Protein backbone atom coordinates (compact mmCIF):
# COMPACT_ATOMS: atom_id res chain seq x y z
CA UNK A 1 -0.05 -0.05 -0.11
CA UNK A 2 1.54 3.29 -1.07
CA UNK A 3 1.61 6.54 1.07
CA UNK A 4 -1.22 8.07 -1.14
CA UNK A 5 -3.71 5.33 -0.34
CA UNK A 6 -2.92 5.57 3.59
CA UNK A 7 -3.07 9.45 3.26
CA UNK A 8 -6.34 9.39 1.27
CA UNK A 9 -4.75 11.35 -1.61
CA UNK A 10 -5.91 11.56 -5.09
CA UNK A 11 -9.00 10.77 -7.08
CA UNK A 12 -8.97 7.07 -6.01
CA UNK A 13 -9.92 8.33 -2.52
CA UNK A 14 -12.94 10.14 -3.89
CA UNK A 15 -13.99 7.19 -5.81
CA UNK A 16 -13.65 4.88 -2.93
CA UNK A 17 -15.96 7.21 -0.94
CA UNK A 18 -13.11 8.48 1.45
CA UNK A 19 -14.78 9.90 4.81
CA UNK A 20 -15.20 13.44 4.63
CA UNK A 21 -15.43 14.02 0.89
CA UNK A 22 -18.52 15.15 -0.60
CA UNK A 23 -19.30 14.86 -4.30
CA UNK A 24 -21.49 17.58 -6.12
CA UNK A 25 -22.39 17.85 -9.52
CA UNK A 26 -22.63 21.08 -11.70
CA UNK A 27 -23.39 22.11 -15.22
CA UNK A 28 -20.37 24.20 -16.47
CA UNK A 29 -20.36 25.76 -19.90
CA UNK A 30 -23.09 23.34 -21.02
CA UNK A 31 -21.21 20.25 -19.69
CA UNK A 32 -21.97 18.30 -16.53
CA UNK A 33 -19.05 17.84 -14.12
CA UNK A 34 -18.76 16.39 -10.49
CA UNK A 35 -16.19 17.63 -7.85
CA UNK A 36 -15.25 15.83 -4.57
CA UNK A 37 -14.28 18.19 -1.78
CA UNK A 38 -13.95 17.96 1.82
CA UNK A 39 -17.18 18.84 3.79
CA UNK A 40 -15.37 21.94 5.14
CA UNK A 41 -14.56 23.36 1.85
CA UNK A 42 -18.02 23.01 0.62
CA UNK A 43 -19.09 24.78 3.69
CA UNK A 44 -16.65 27.79 3.14
CA UNK A 45 -17.74 27.97 -0.59
CA UNK A 46 -21.35 27.87 0.41
CA UNK A 47 -20.82 30.91 2.67
CA UNK A 48 -18.80 32.65 0.15
CA UNK A 49 -21.78 32.18 -2.43
CA UNK A 50 -24.36 33.48 0.30
CA UNK A 51 -22.21 36.57 1.07
CA UNK A 52 -22.10 37.31 -2.78
CA UNK A 53 -25.93 36.63 -2.95
CA UNK A 54 -25.42 33.97 -5.54
CA UNK A 55 -26.00 30.20 -5.74
CA UNK A 56 -23.17 27.71 -5.15
CA UNK A 57 -23.28 26.85 -8.69
CA UNK A 58 -22.66 30.39 -9.91
CA UNK A 59 -19.72 30.76 -7.59
CA UNK A 60 -18.29 27.23 -9.02
CA UNK A 61 -18.90 28.66 -12.50
CA UNK A 62 -16.95 31.98 -11.66
CA UNK A 63 -13.91 30.03 -10.24
CA UNK A 64 -13.95 27.61 -13.13
CA UNK A 65 -13.92 30.74 -15.54
CA UNK A 66 -10.78 31.96 -14.01
CA UNK A 67 -8.52 28.99 -13.15
CA UNK A 68 -5.49 28.15 -14.58
CA UNK A 69 -5.53 26.02 -17.77
CA UNK A 70 -5.04 22.38 -16.76
CA UNK A 71 -5.57 23.19 -13.16
CA UNK A 72 -8.08 20.61 -11.70
CA UNK A 73 -11.39 22.22 -10.62
CA UNK A 74 -11.20 20.85 -7.17
CA UNK A 75 -7.96 22.36 -6.58
CA UNK A 76 -9.02 25.88 -7.83
CA UNK A 77 -12.10 25.68 -5.57
CA UNK A 78 -10.06 24.71 -2.48
CA UNK A 79 -7.72 27.69 -3.21
CA UNK A 80 -10.82 29.89 -3.71
CA UNK A 81 -12.08 28.68 -0.21
CA UNK A 82 -8.71 29.46 1.23
CA UNK A 83 -8.50 32.78 -0.11
CA UNK A 84 -11.95 33.80 0.55
CA UNK A 85 -13.20 34.00 -2.86
CA UNK A 86 -10.61 36.40 -4.16
């Protein structure tokens, strides 16, 4: 067993239903996509969306629109939560 498996790293942890990850689906640019994040990140993102007066899906769309090409959406959302939506 590699260190990633023990630490719960990577997409395999999300597929295996690693405790604490919540998967949510969104329609972005006409395409359906799913993102798995820790519950705490979803809580912060929902609060940021509420603060801006928008739905969580709108906030996710905004992050998607400005993320670095090739950057995973989950990573961009985690950074947005940590940076307070800036």
